[in-house]
């Protein structure tokens, strides 16, 4: 097993954090997705393992890729053509790549095991893409139901306006114009929530608070925690198996969780380890990691098999997340139906007010005395 030390040579923590920050700032325009990263790692690893020189491998990858993967390959190719090493090229173009790739690839360059590390990274990014697809599959139907409910209400608004009916919503929405305002309002609300979420996480530095809040939400919190732990444990497997020092491995693995609350723990965990704590003690001190993870980590430290244990735990956590995603699907379905039921009840009450209660009150007011 690799030695779990704090001070091995390699990219410094400041380099890693800077590369991570730059990647986050440019992710919407440059960073490759998990699927693109998996394909890119596989193609480059295959060429290098076949004995193809790096320059030719990058040239082939550039010719066969498309979109951001092609731009990334071309950028690396230009650096290598000008005499820079692969490590220097990756550092210069780190904005294209997620946090784990650059430091791990640099370790591969230094040790002569770049193809092997690229293969492991391919598995990691395939795993990431699988988790993303499962999440999307589970939330697609509830979201579709909500969208259809909004569109049905827009149709009702349009028809009532065309028939000369009353404003049953009490919002001045009638006819085609009212229907468009209704749809646009929901679209702006969704865009505002998503944009605010991204802005708060990437620009305002509120990822830790937002993710801490999300983890407290029933059902959803369990899913997000399992997914984050699955990514983090696989990150620990990759970084520690490569021989990377804890000073590098812990920030990268916590960043790989894609959870601001977890990523925020890297400095205090490293401080505890420098103070003499074991890896398990440092994680337990944070009081946010589940007992199951801490027990596995403790047993792995005692047996000297941390990477292997983390790899197995990541698989188990992914399976658990898949089951929890099914529960989330059911919960979201109930939430959507409650929203739809609430809208229907509101419509019924508004119709009753306009068709019956309103006229009755007007008639009573008109009575003498």
Protein backbone atom coordinates (compact mmCIF):
# COMPACT_ATOMS: atom_id res chain seq x y z
CA UNK A 1 0.00 0.00 0.00
CA UNK A 2 1.30 3.55 -0.67
CA UNK A 3 2.70 5.37 2.32
CA UNK A 4 0.14 7.76 3.79
CA UNK A 5 2.42 10.74 4.38
CA UNK A 6 1.85 14.46 4.40
CA UNK A 7 4.91 15.79 2.65
CA UNK A 8 5.69 13.90 -0.54
CA UNK A 9 6.86 15.78 -3.62
CA UNK A 10 4.54 16.76 -6.42
CA UNK A 11 2.02 19.54 -7.15
CA UNK A 12 1.48 21.75 -4.11
CA UNK A 13 -1.86 22.25 -2.43
CA UNK A 14 -1.97 25.85 -3.69
CA UNK A 15 -1.59 24.59 -7.27
CA UNK A 16 -4.41 22.11 -6.78
CA UNK A 17 -6.74 24.64 -5.19
CA UNK A 18 -5.94 27.22 -7.87
CA UNK A 19 -6.61 24.72 -10.66
CA UNK A 20 -9.88 23.75 -8.99
CA UNK A 21 -10.99 27.38 -8.66
CA UNK A 22 -10.10 28.19 -12.24
CA UNK A 23 -11.99 25.12 -13.43
CA UNK A 24 -15.11 26.11 -11.50
CA UNK A 25 -15.00 29.64 -12.87
CA UNK A 26 -14.76 28.41 -16.46
CA UNK A 27 -16.75 25.17 -16.25
CA UNK A 28 -19.68 26.50 -18.27
CA UNK A 29 -17.46 27.38 -21.24
CA UNK A 30 -14.47 25.04 -21.14
CA UNK A 31 -14.56 22.11 -18.72
CA UNK A 32 -15.19 18.69 -20.18
CA UNK A 33 -18.15 16.70 -18.86
CA UNK A 34 -17.72 13.34 -17.11
CA UNK A 35 -18.67 11.47 -20.29
CA UNK A 36 -16.22 13.51 -22.39
CA UNK A 37 -13.50 12.98 -19.80
CA UNK A 38 -14.05 9.21 -19.78
CA UNK A 39 -13.80 9.02 -23.57
CA UNK A 40 -10.76 11.31 -23.61
CA UNK A 41 -8.92 9.28 -20.94
CA UNK A 42 -9.72 6.00 -22.69
CA UNK A 43 -8.50 7.20 -26.10
CA UNK A 44 -5.26 8.68 -24.79
CA UNK A 45 -4.53 5.67 -22.57
CA UNK A 46 -5.11 3.26 -25.46
CA UNK A 47 -2.66 5.12 -27.70
CA UNK A 48 0.02 5.41 -25.03
CA UNK A 49 -0.27 1.75 -24.03
CA UNK A 50 0.16 0.80 -27.68
CA UNK A 51 3.50 2.61 -27.69
CA UNK A 52 2.35 5.64 -29.68
CA UNK A 53 4.51 8.72 -28.89
CA UNK A 54 2.75 11.40 -26.85
CA UNK A 55 2.89 14.01 -29.62
CA UNK A 56 1.28 11.66 -32.15
CA UNK A 57 -1.26 10.42 -29.59
CA UNK A 58 -2.42 13.97 -28.91
CA UNK A 59 -2.53 14.70 -32.64
CA UNK A 60 -4.70 11.62 -33.23
CA UNK A 61 -6.93 12.52 -30.29
CA UNK A 62 -7.33 16.05 -31.62
CA UNK A 63 -8.31 14.77 -35.06
CA UNK A 64 -10.83 12.25 -33.75
CA UNK A 65 -12.42 14.36 -31.01
CA UNK A 66 -15.05 17.05 -31.26
CA UNK A 67 -16.18 20.08 -29.29
CA UNK A 68 -14.44 20.79 -26.00
CA UNK A 69 -12.46 17.55 -26.11
CA UNK A 70 -10.94 18.59 -29.43
CA UNK A 71 -10.08 22.07 -28.14
CA UNK A 72 -8.47 20.58 -25.04
CA UNK A 73 -6.42 18.12 -27.09
CA UNK A 74 -5.30 20.85 -29.51
CA UNK A 75 -4.27 23.10 -26.63
CA UNK A 76 -2.19 20.32 -25.04
CA UNK A 77 -0.69 19.47 -28.43
CA UNK A 78 0.53 23.04 -28.92
CA UNK A 79 2.26 23.05 -25.54
CA UNK A 80 4.00 19.71 -26.21
CA UNK A 81 5.07 20.87 -29.68
CA UNK A 82 6.78 23.86 -28.06
CA UNK A 83 8.87 21.58 -25.88
CA UNK A 84 6.80 21.53 -22.71
CA UNK A 85 6.20 18.32 -20.78
CA UNK A 86 2.76 16.74 -20.49
CA UNK A 87 2.66 17.82 -16.85
CA UNK A 88 3.35 21.44 -17.81
CA UNK A 89 0.77 21.31 -20.59
CA UNK A 90 -1.90 19.96 -18.25
CA UNK A 91 -1.14 22.62 -15.66
CA UNK A 92 -1.41 25.36 -18.31
CA UNK A 93 -4.74 24.03 -19.63
CA UNK A 94 -6.23 22.93 -16.29
CA UNK A 95 -9.42 24.90 -16.96
CA UNK A 96 -10.48 22.17 -19.40
CA UNK A 97 -10.25 19.40 -16.80
CA UNK A 98 -11.94 18.44 -13.49
CA UNK A 99 -9.90 18.73 -10.26
CA UNK A 100 -8.68 15.12 -10.08
CA UNK A 101 -7.20 14.77 -13.54
CA UNK A 102 -4.31 17.24 -13.56
CA UNK A 103 -2.54 16.21 -10.32
CA UNK A 104 -3.17 12.49 -10.89
CA UNK A 105 -1.96 12.69 -14.49
CA UNK A 106 1.13 14.53 -13.26
CA UNK A 107 1.81 11.67 -10.85
CA UNK A 108 1.44 9.29 -13.81
CA UNK A 109 3.94 11.32 -15.85
CA UNK A 110 6.45 11.38 -12.99
CA UNK A 111 6.16 7.65 -12.27
CA UNK A 112 5.87 6.50 -15.88
CA UNK A 113 2.39 5.07 -15.30
CA UNK A 114 0.29 7.64 -17.15
CA UNK A 115 -1.67 5.06 -19.22
CA UNK A 116 -2.62 3.10 -16.10
CA UNK A 117 -3.75 6.21 -14.24
CA UNK A 118 -5.74 7.37 -17.26
CA UNK A 119 -7.52 4.00 -17.29
CA UNK A 120 -8.42 4.39 -13.62
CA UNK A 121 -9.61 7.92 -14.27
CA UNK A 122 -11.75 6.63 -17.12
CA UNK A 123 -13.49 4.26 -14.68
CA UNK A 124 -13.98 7.12 -12.23
CA UNK A 125 -15.58 9.40 -14.83
CA UNK A 126 -17.78 6.56 -16.11
CA UNK A 127 -18.91 6.12 -12.52
CA UNK A 128 -19.65 9.84 -12.28
CA UNK A 129 -21.68 9.76 -15.48
CA UNK A 130 -23.64 6.73 -14.27
CA UNK A 131 -24.59 8.53 -11.06
CA UNK A 132 -25.67 11.59 -13.02
CA UNK A 133 -27.80 9.55 -15.41
CA UNK A 134 -29.51 7.72 -12.55
CA UNK A 135 -30.38 10.99 -10.86
CA UNK A 136 -31.75 12.49 -14.09
CA UNK A 137 -33.81 9.36 -14.82
CA UNK A 138 -35.43 9.44 -11.40
CA UNK A 139 -36.42 13.11 -11.40
CA UNK A 140 -37.49 13.38 -15.06
CA UNK A 141 -41.03 12.04 -14.62
CA UNK A 142 -42.00 14.20 -11.59
CA UNK A 143 -40.62 17.28 -13.35
CA UNK A 144 -42.58 16.34 -16.50
CA UNK A 145 -45.76 16.05 -14.43
CA UNK A 146 -45.23 19.50 -12.93
CA UNK A 147 -44.57 21.04 -16.34
CA UNK A 148 -47.73 19.43 -17.75
CA UNK A 149 -49.78 20.80 -14.84
CA UNK A 150 -48.47 24.30 -15.55
CA UNK A 151 -49.31 23.94 -19.25
CA UNK A 152 -52.82 22.65 -18.50
CA UNK A 153 -53.49 25.68 -16.32
CA UNK A 154 -52.18 27.92 -19.13
CA UNK A 155 -54.66 26.23 -21.48
CA UNK A 156 -57.51 26.86 -19.02
CA UNK A 157 -56.52 30.53 -18.76
CA UNK A 158 -56.48 30.79 -22.54
CA UNK A 159 -59.87 29.10 -23.03
CA UNK A 160 -61.60 31.11 -20.30
CA UNK A 161 -60.31 34.30 -21.87
CA UNK A 162 -61.48 33.26 -25.33
CA UNK A 163 -64.95 32.41 -23.95
CA UNK A 164 -65.25 35.70 -22.09
CA UNK A 165 -65.15 34.11 -18.66
CA UNK A 166 -64.05 35.66 -15.37
CA UNK A 167 -60.50 35.86 -14.06
CA UNK A 168 -60.64 32.80 -11.80
CA UNK A 169 -57.04 33.21 -10.63
CA UNK A 170 -57.57 36.78 -9.52
CA UNK A 171 -54.27 37.76 -11.14
CA UNK A 172 -55.59 39.49 -14.24
CA UNK A 173 -54.55 36.56 -16.44
CA UNK A 174 -56.94 35.94 -19.32
CA UNK A 175 -56.61 34.75 -22.90
CA UNK A 176 -53.42 34.20 -24.84
CA UNK A 177 -51.58 37.03 -23.10
CA UNK A 178 -52.50 35.70 -19.67
CA UNK A 179 -51.41 32.17 -20.61
CA UNK A 180 -48.04 33.43 -21.84
CA UNK A 181 -47.52 35.47 -18.65
CA UNK A 182 -48.37 32.39 -16.57
CA UNK A 183 -45.83 30.21 -18.42
CA UNK A 184 -43.18 32.94 -18.47
CA UNK A 185 -43.60 33.48 -14.73
CA UNK A 186 -42.86 29.84 -13.98
CA UNK A 187 -39.95 29.84 -16.45
CA UNK A 188 -38.45 32.92 -14.79
CA UNK A 189 -38.90 31.36 -11.36
CA UNK A 190 -37.09 28.17 -12.45
CA UNK A 191 -34.32 30.15 -14.15
CA UNK A 192 -33.98 32.40 -11.12
CA UNK A 193 -33.70 29.47 -8.72
CA UNK A 194 -31.15 27.66 -10.89
CA UNK A 195 -29.17 30.82 -11.63
CA UNK A 196 -29.21 31.87 -7.99
CA UNK A 197 -28.05 28.41 -6.95
CA UNK A 198 -25.15 28.45 -9.40
CA UNK A 199 -24.22 32.04 -8.52
CA UNK A 200 -24.26 31.35 -4.80
CA UNK A 201 -22.10 28.24 -5.22
CA UNK A 202 -19.54 29.43 -7.76
CA UNK A 203 -19.30 33.20 -7.26
CA UNK A 204 -20.46 34.00 -3.74
CA UNK A 205 -18.70 31.12 -1.98
CA UNK A 206 -21.86 29.72 -0.40
CA UNK A 207 -21.46 26.10 -1.57
CA UNK A 208 -20.81 24.90 1.97
CA UNK A 209 -23.96 26.46 3.41
CA UNK A 210 -26.16 25.45 0.47
CA UNK A 211 -25.02 21.82 0.51
CA UNK A 212 -25.34 21.65 4.28
CA UNK A 213 -28.95 22.80 3.93
CA UNK A 214 -29.69 20.33 1.13
CA UNK A 215 -28.34 17.45 3.22
CA UNK A 216 -30.97 18.21 5.88
CA UNK A 217 -33.89 17.83 3.48
CA UNK A 218 -35.70 14.50 4.07
CA UNK A 219 -35.12 11.83 1.38
CA UNK A 220 -33.18 14.24 -0.88
CA UNK A 221 -30.49 14.68 1.77
CA UNK A 222 -29.93 10.91 1.99
CA UNK A 223 -29.49 10.67 -1.78
CA UNK A 224 -27.06 13.58 -1.96
CA UNK A 225 -25.03 12.26 1.00
CA UNK A 226 -24.69 8.79 -0.53
CA UNK A 227 -23.72 10.21 -3.93
CA UNK A 228 -21.17 12.59 -2.38
CA UNK A 229 -19.65 9.83 -0.25
CA UNK A 230 -19.50 7.47 -3.24
CA UNK A 231 -17.55 10.04 -5.23
CA UNK A 232 -15.32 10.94 -2.28
CA UNK A 233 -14.40 7.34 -1.44
CA UNK A 234 -13.57 6.59 -5.07
CA UNK A 235 -11.45 9.73 -5.08
CA UNK A 236 -9.59 8.45 -2.00
CA UNK A 237 -9.02 5.15 -3.77
CA UNK A 238 -7.54 6.82 -6.87
CA UNK A 239 -5.36 9.35 -5.08
CA UNK A 240 -3.96 7.06 -2.38
CA UNK A 241 -3.42 4.17 -4.81
CA UNK A 242 -1.33 6.50 -6.98
CA UNK A 243 1.05 7.16 -4.11
CA UNK A 244 -0.09 10.76 -3.70
CA UNK A 245 0.53 12.34 -0.30
CA UNK A 246 -2.35 13.05 2.07
CA UNK A 247 -1.67 16.76 1.62
CA UNK A 248 -2.79 16.34 -1.98
CA UNK A 249 -5.13 13.35 -1.73
CA UNK A 250 -7.52 14.69 0.90
CA UNK A 251 -8.39 18.04 -0.77
CA UNK A 252 -8.78 16.34 -4.14
CA UNK A 253 -10.96 13.53 -2.78
CA UNK A 254 -13.18 15.91 -0.83
CA UNK A 255 -13.48 18.15 -3.90
CA UNK A 256 -14.40 15.07 -5.95
CA UNK A 257 -17.45 14.62 -3.69
CA UNK A 258 -18.92 17.68 -5.45
CA UNK A 259 -20.33 18.71 -2.08
CA UNK A 260 -19.34 22.06 -0.60
CA UNK A 261 -19.78 20.90 3.00
CA UNK A 262 -17.38 17.99 2.50
CA UNK A 263 -14.87 19.99 0.45
CA UNK A 264 -14.73 22.63 3.19
CA UNK A 265 -13.31 20.09 5.64
CA UNK A 266 -9.95 19.56 3.92
CA UNK A 267 -7.97 22.16 5.88
CA UNK A 268 -9.12 21.12 9.37
CA UNK A 269 -8.64 17.43 8.50
CA UNK A 270 -5.08 18.08 7.33
CA UNK A 271 -4.42 20.19 10.42
CA UNK A 272 -5.53 17.32 12.67
CA UNK A 273 -3.31 14.85 10.81
CA UNK A 274 -0.34 17.17 11.17
CA UNK A 275 -1.15 17.29 14.87
CA UNK A 276 -0.80 13.53 15.15
CA UNK A 277 -4.35 12.29 14.52
CA UNK A 278 -5.03 9.28 12.36
CA UNK A 279 -7.01 9.64 9.16
CA UNK A 280 -10.08 8.18 10.87
CA UNK A 281 -9.76 10.47 13.89
CA UNK A 282 -9.43 13.52 11.66
CA UNK A 283 -12.58 12.63 9.69
CA UNK A 284 -14.52 11.70 12.84
CA UNK A 285 -13.69 15.04 14.46
CA UNK A 286 -15.68 16.86 11.77
CA UNK A 287 -18.90 15.13 12.92
CA UNK A 288 -20.51 15.19 9.48
CA UNK A 289 -19.37 11.84 8.09
CA UNK A 290 -21.55 8.77 8.80
CA UNK A 291 -20.45 6.06 11.23
CA UNK A 292 -20.40 3.43 8.49
CA UNK A 293 -17.76 5.32 6.52
CA UNK A 294 -15.68 5.95 9.65
CA UNK A 295 -15.81 2.27 10.68
CA UNK A 296 -14.67 1.11 7.24
CA UNK A 297 -11.91 3.72 7.19
CA UNK A 298 -10.72 2.72 10.66
CA UNK A 299 -10.56 -0.99 9.79
CA UNK A 300 -8.79 -0.15 6.52
CA UNK A 301 -6.16 1.94 8.30
CA UNK A 302 -5.49 -0.88 10.74
CA UNK A 303 -5.12 -3.41 7.94
CA UNK A 304 -3.18 -1.08 5.65
CA UNK A 305 -5.71 -1.37 2.81
CA UNK A 306 -7.32 2.05 2.59
CA UNK A 307 -7.53 2.33 -1.24
CA UNK A 308 -9.06 -1.13 -1.60
CA UNK A 309 -11.60 -0.51 1.16
CA UNK A 310 -12.58 2.86 -0.31
CA UNK A 311 -13.07 1.31 -3.76
CA UNK A 312 -15.42 -1.34 -2.35
CA UNK A 313 -17.29 1.18 -0.21
CA UNK A 314 -17.84 3.46 -3.22
CA UNK A 315 -19.57 0.60 -5.04
CA UNK A 316 -21.80 -0.12 -2.04
CA UNK A 317 -22.66 3.55 -1.64
CA UNK A 318 -23.55 3.82 -5.33
CA UNK A 319 -25.92 0.86 -4.98
CA UNK A 320 -27.48 2.46 -1.91
CA UNK A 321 -27.86 5.76 -3.76
CA UNK A 322 -29.69 3.94 -6.55
CA UNK A 323 -32.20 2.56 -4.03
CA UNK A 324 -32.56 5.97 -2.40
CA UNK A 325 -33.13 7.53 -5.81
CA UNK A 326 -36.17 5.27 -6.15
CA UNK A 327 -37.50 6.62 -2.85
CA UNK A 328 -36.76 10.16 -4.02
CA UNK A 329 -38.71 9.48 -7.21
CA UNK A 330 -41.72 8.42 -5.17
CA UNK A 331 -41.39 11.41 -2.85
CA UNK A 332 -41.11 13.84 -5.75
CA UNK A 333 -44.14 12.22 -7.34
CA UNK A 334 -46.19 12.84 -4.20
CA UNK A 335 -44.95 16.43 -3.96
CA UNK A 336 -45.96 17.09 -7.57
CA UNK A 337 -49.39 15.58 -7.06
CA UNK A 338 -49.86 17.65 -3.89
CA UNK A 339 -49.00 20.78 -5.89
CA UNK A 340 -51.42 19.76 -8.64
CA UNK A 341 -54.12 18.94 -6.08
CA UNK A 342 -53.58 22.31 -4.40
CA UNK A 343 -53.93 24.08 -7.74
CA UNK A 344 -57.14 22.15 -8.52
CA UNK A 345 -58.61 22.98 -5.11
CA UNK A 346 -57.69 26.63 -5.62
CA UNK A 347 -59.43 26.62 -9.00
CA UNK A 348 -62.55 25.04 -7.53
CA UNK A 349 -62.72 27.63 -4.76
CA UNK A 350 -62.16 30.50 -7.19
CA UNK A 351 -64.87 29.19 -9.53
CA UNK A 352 -67.23 28.82 -6.58
CA UNK A 353 -66.47 32.38 -5.49
CA UNK A 354 -67.06 33.79 -8.98
CA UNK A 355 -70.05 31.66 -9.95
CA UNK A 356 -72.01 31.31 -6.71
CA UNK A 357 -70.74 33.03 -3.58
CA UNK A 358 -70.00 36.35 -5.31
CA UNK A 359 -73.44 36.72 -6.90
CA UNK A 360 -75.16 35.61 -3.66
CA UNK A 361 -73.29 38.26 -1.69
CA UNK A 362 -74.18 40.90 -4.30
CA UNK A 363 -77.86 39.88 -4.09
CA UNK A 364 -77.82 40.05 -0.31
CA UNK A 365 -76.22 43.47 -0.41
CA UNK A 366 -78.94 44.64 -2.77
CA UNK A 367 -81.77 43.66 -0.39
CA UNK A 368 -83.43 46.58 1.40
CA UNK A 369 -82.42 46.96 5.03
